[in-house]
Amino acid sequence: MRSRIAGVMSVLGELLITVGVVLGLFVVYSLWWTNVLADRESSRQADLMRDGWKGGGAAGPGALDTQDGVGFLHVPAMKNGEVLVKKGTDLKELNDGTAGYYTKPVKSALPWDAKGNFSLAAHRDGHGAKFHNIHKIKNGDPIVFETRDTWYVYKVYKSLPETSKYNVDVIDPVPKESGRTKAGRYITLTTCTPVFTSDYRYIVWGELVREVKVDKDRSKPAELR
């Protein structure tokens, strides 16, 4: 009897070890390897877009008709370099290690539009985790969006550390939860929170303060130097 119990416990122990190894490998894949793959793909796409810019590719509304993205997001507080921004926030776009601007349920404005809210989403963990450090952004920090011809410089004025993932008002043309009541030129960053979950959303709002034309050397604005 004891030998049977010992045998069962031995088999159970081996199964638990196997399950633990499989789960461990899954975590490594989800939180590390998907980042590696996404970074490779986003770098490839970024190089293609910059090559297109050198050849005279679109930097404004015409860019929406291509698969090359619309520009690069720079947020010094997140310390993650430049982030390629493309159209759409579905997983097939974001899993490439890029940020995406909303096309639904509320259509995002673009930086060059006269008024509106340039609303973006990106993963916080896995698949590039481009917004992993969103919690490090503080009021007054710069957010810069780069196109072929123009640097759009925003200043952060409010963050919302937690809200429902169904709260679409945060990306309205006038994001009233941010305290704004009049039309302007805003930017909104959204991602999942808490870390390693998708229960809620973390929101950061900024407002355009100036535009800087790109010179022949592509000198960065002061906020990025």
Protein backbone atom coordinates (compact mmCIF):
# COMPACT_ATOMS: atom_id res chain seq x y z
CA MET A 1 0.00 0.00 0.00
CA ARG A 2 2.74 2.38 0.97
CA SER A 3 4.63 1.61 -2.23
CA ARG A 4 1.52 2.47 -4.27
CA ILE A 5 1.09 5.77 -2.48
CA ALA A 6 4.78 6.52 -2.95
CA GLY A 7 4.46 5.73 -6.65
CA VAL A 8 1.43 7.98 -7.04
CA MET A 9 3.15 10.82 -5.17
CA SER A 10 6.24 10.40 -7.34
CA VAL A 11 4.20 10.62 -10.54
CA LEU A 12 2.25 13.61 -9.17
CA GLY A 13 5.48 15.32 -8.22
CA GLU A 14 6.88 14.83 -11.72
CA LEU A 15 3.68 16.20 -13.26
CA LEU A 16 3.80 19.27 -11.05
CA ILE A 17 7.43 19.87 -11.99
CA THR A 18 6.55 19.53 -15.67
CA VAL A 19 3.63 21.94 -15.33
CA GLY A 20 5.88 24.37 -13.49
CA VAL A 21 8.49 24.22 -16.25
CA VAL A 22 5.85 24.74 -18.95
CA LEU A 23 4.37 27.71 -17.10
CA GLY A 24 7.84 29.14 -16.58
CA LEU A 25 8.61 28.85 -20.28
CA PHE A 26 5.28 30.50 -21.11
CA VAL A 27 6.10 33.44 -18.83
CA VAL A 28 9.54 33.79 -20.44
CA TYR A 29 7.92 33.73 -23.87
CA SER A 30 5.22 36.24 -22.95
CA LEU A 31 7.38 38.75 -21.08
CA TRP A 32 10.75 38.44 -22.82
CA TRP A 33 10.74 36.65 -26.16
CA THR A 34 7.71 38.53 -27.51
CA ASN A 35 9.60 41.74 -26.68
CA VAL A 36 12.60 40.53 -28.68
CA LEU A 37 10.46 39.67 -31.71
CA ALA A 38 8.42 42.86 -31.49
CA ASP A 39 11.51 45.08 -31.19
CA ARG A 40 12.99 43.44 -34.28
CA GLU A 41 9.81 43.98 -36.27
CA SER A 42 9.26 47.57 -35.12
CA SER A 43 12.89 48.42 -35.93
CA ARG A 44 12.45 46.97 -39.41
CA GLN A 45 9.29 48.97 -39.99
CA ALA A 46 10.88 52.13 -38.58
CA ASP A 47 13.83 51.80 -40.96
CA LEU A 48 11.44 51.41 -43.87
CA MET A 49 9.57 54.56 -42.90
CA ARG A 50 12.72 56.66 -42.47
CA ASP A 51 13.97 55.41 -45.82
CA GLY A 52 10.63 56.48 -47.28
CA TRP A 53 11.01 59.93 -45.76
CA LYS A 54 14.43 60.32 -47.38
CA GLY A 55 12.81 59.47 -50.69
CA GLY A 56 10.10 62.06 -50.24
CA GLY A 57 7.46 59.84 -48.62
CA ALA A 58 4.40 61.40 -47.04
CA ALA A 59 4.60 62.86 -43.54
CA GLY A 60 1.13 64.31 -43.30
CA PRO A 61 -2.33 63.08 -44.33
CA GLY A 62 -0.95 61.17 -47.32
CA ALA A 63 0.89 58.85 -44.93
CA LEU A 64 -2.44 57.36 -43.94
CA ASP A 65 -2.61 55.60 -47.30
CA THR A 66 0.57 53.60 -46.68
CA GLN A 67 1.65 50.83 -44.33
CA ASP A 68 4.69 52.79 -43.20
CA GLY A 69 3.22 54.50 -40.15
CA VAL A 70 2.75 58.19 -39.48
CA GLY A 71 5.69 59.13 -37.27
CA PHE A 72 7.65 58.52 -34.09
CA LEU A 73 6.65 59.16 -30.48
CA HIS A 74 9.36 60.37 -28.10
CA VAL A 75 8.67 60.41 -24.34
CA PRO A 76 11.92 61.06 -22.42
CA ALA A 77 10.34 60.12 -19.07
CA MET A 78 9.71 56.56 -20.28
CA LYS A 79 13.34 56.13 -21.39
CA ASN A 80 12.46 53.84 -24.29
CA GLY A 81 13.72 55.81 -27.27
CA GLU A 82 11.50 56.40 -30.25
CA VAL A 83 8.26 54.49 -30.79
CA LEU A 84 6.85 53.97 -34.27
CA VAL A 85 3.18 55.00 -34.47
CA LYS A 86 0.84 53.32 -36.92
CA LYS A 87 -2.88 53.29 -37.66
CA GLY A 88 -5.08 51.13 -35.45
CA THR A 89 -5.07 49.70 -31.93
CA ASP A 90 -5.96 46.07 -32.61
CA LEU A 91 -3.55 43.41 -31.36
CA LYS A 92 -2.28 42.70 -34.87
CA GLU A 93 -0.92 46.26 -34.97
CA LEU A 94 0.27 46.63 -31.37
CA ASN A 95 1.92 43.19 -31.24
CA ASP A 96 4.50 44.45 -33.74
CA GLY A 97 6.01 46.58 -30.99
CA THR A 98 4.47 49.83 -32.18
CA ALA A 99 1.98 52.30 -30.77
CA GLY A 100 -1.27 52.83 -32.65
CA TYR A 101 -3.72 55.68 -32.93
CA TYR A 102 -7.40 54.98 -32.39
CA THR A 103 -9.78 54.51 -35.30
CA LYS A 104 -12.61 53.24 -33.07
CA PRO A 105 -14.77 53.71 -31.01
CA VAL A 106 -13.66 57.35 -31.28
CA LYS A 107 -11.58 58.40 -34.27
CA SER A 108 -8.32 60.03 -33.28
CA ALA A 109 -7.20 63.36 -34.65
CA LEU A 110 -3.67 63.55 -36.06
CA PRO A 111 -1.05 66.03 -34.83
CA TRP A 112 -1.33 68.23 -37.92
CA ASP A 113 -5.11 68.60 -37.55
CA ALA A 114 -6.28 72.05 -36.45
CA LYS A 115 -8.12 70.63 -33.43
CA GLY A 116 -8.68 67.28 -31.77
CA ASN A 117 -7.16 64.58 -29.60
CA PHE A 118 -4.26 62.50 -30.92
CA SER A 119 -5.04 59.30 -28.97
CA LEU A 120 -2.57 56.42 -28.78
CA ALA A 121 -2.35 52.94 -27.28
CA ALA A 122 0.54 50.51 -26.78
CA HIS A 123 1.33 47.43 -24.73
CA ARG A 124 2.62 47.81 -21.20
CA ASP A 125 4.09 44.29 -21.00
CA GLY A 126 5.15 41.90 -23.72
CA HIS A 127 5.20 42.57 -27.47
CA GLY A 128 7.64 45.45 -27.08
CA ALA A 129 6.07 46.93 -23.93
CA LYS A 130 6.42 50.44 -25.35
CA PHE A 131 4.35 52.04 -22.58
CA HIS A 132 5.78 49.97 -19.72
CA ASN A 133 7.08 53.06 -17.89
CA ILE A 134 4.03 55.24 -18.42
CA HIS A 135 3.76 55.68 -14.63
CA LYS A 136 7.03 57.64 -14.69
CA ILE A 137 5.49 60.47 -16.70
CA LYS A 138 4.80 63.56 -14.59
CA ASN A 139 2.92 66.81 -15.15
CA GLY A 140 5.08 69.22 -17.11
CA ASP A 141 7.03 66.45 -18.91
CA PRO A 142 7.39 66.75 -22.70
CA ILE A 143 5.92 64.39 -25.26
CA VAL A 144 7.24 64.89 -28.79
CA PHE A 145 5.83 63.49 -31.99
CA GLU A 146 8.11 63.41 -35.03
CA THR A 147 7.00 63.43 -38.66
CA ARG A 148 9.13 63.88 -41.76
CA ASP A 149 8.70 67.66 -41.72
CA THR A 150 7.66 68.67 -38.20
CA TRP A 151 8.30 68.05 -34.49
CA TYR A 152 5.07 68.43 -32.48
CA VAL A 153 5.87 69.27 -28.86
CA TYR A 154 3.27 68.54 -26.17
CA LYS A 155 3.33 69.20 -22.43
CA VAL A 156 1.77 66.72 -20.01
CA TYR A 157 -0.86 68.29 -17.77
CA LYS A 158 -2.68 65.36 -16.15
CA SER A 159 -2.58 61.60 -15.60
CA LEU A 160 -5.29 59.13 -14.59
CA PRO A 161 -3.59 56.09 -12.98
CA GLU A 162 -6.68 53.87 -13.18
CA THR A 163 -9.96 53.91 -15.06
CA SER A 164 -12.30 51.34 -16.57
CA LYS A 165 -11.11 49.72 -19.78
CA TYR A 166 -14.56 50.57 -21.15
CA ASN A 167 -14.11 54.30 -20.48
CA VAL A 168 -13.84 55.72 -24.01
CA ASP A 169 -14.45 59.31 -22.88
CA VAL A 170 -10.72 59.65 -22.15
CA ILE A 171 -10.02 59.80 -25.91
CA ASP A 172 -12.81 62.23 -26.78
CA PRO A 173 -11.82 65.21 -28.96
CA VAL A 174 -12.09 67.28 -25.78
CA PRO A 175 -11.05 64.96 -22.92
CA LYS A 176 -13.20 66.47 -20.18
CA GLU A 177 -11.93 64.06 -17.50
CA SER A 178 -8.57 65.74 -17.94
CA GLY A 179 -10.09 69.07 -16.93
CA ARG A 180 -10.27 70.55 -20.43
CA THR A 181 -13.60 71.95 -21.65
CA LYS A 182 -12.64 73.64 -24.93
CA ALA A 183 -11.41 72.29 -28.24
CA GLY A 184 -7.64 72.25 -28.60
CA ARG A 185 -4.78 70.08 -29.80
CA TYR A 186 -4.34 67.29 -27.28
CA ILE A 187 -2.46 64.02 -27.03
CA THR A 188 -3.59 61.00 -25.00
CA LEU A 189 -1.53 57.93 -24.12
CA THR A 190 -3.40 54.81 -22.96
CA THR A 191 -2.25 51.39 -21.78
CA CYS A 192 -3.23 48.52 -19.49
CA THR A 193 -2.81 48.65 -15.72
CA PRO A 194 -1.83 47.25 -13.20
CA VAL A 195 1.38 45.83 -14.65
CA PHE A 196 0.97 42.28 -16.06
CA THR A 197 -2.83 42.67 -16.23
CA SER A 198 -5.43 44.28 -18.48
CA ASP A 199 -8.09 44.99 -15.85
CA TYR A 200 -7.94 48.78 -16.12
CA ARG A 201 -6.39 51.57 -18.19
CA TYR A 202 -3.70 54.12 -17.34
CA ILE A 203 -4.13 57.50 -19.07
CA VAL A 204 -1.78 60.44 -19.69
CA TRP A 205 -2.92 63.71 -21.29
CA GLY A 206 -0.84 66.45 -22.90
CA GLU A 207 -1.47 69.62 -24.87
CA LEU A 208 0.41 70.97 -27.89
CA VAL A 209 2.66 73.89 -26.98
CA ARG A 210 4.62 74.40 -30.19
CA GLU A 211 5.68 73.05 -33.56
CA VAL A 212 9.26 72.93 -34.80
CA LYS A 213 10.09 72.49 -38.47
CA VAL A 214 12.60 69.75 -39.20
CA ASP A 215 15.89 71.15 -40.47
CA LYS A 216 18.30 69.51 -42.91
CA ASP A 217 20.21 67.84 -40.07
CA ARG A 218 17.05 66.65 -38.30
CA SER A 219 18.22 68.45 -35.16
CA LYS A 220 16.07 67.43 -32.21
CA PRO A 221 14.06 70.02 -30.29
CA ALA A 222 15.41 71.10 -26.93
CA GLU A 223 13.05 68.75 -25.09
CA LEU A 224 14.87 65.73 -26.58
CA ARG A 225 18.45 66.91 -26.17
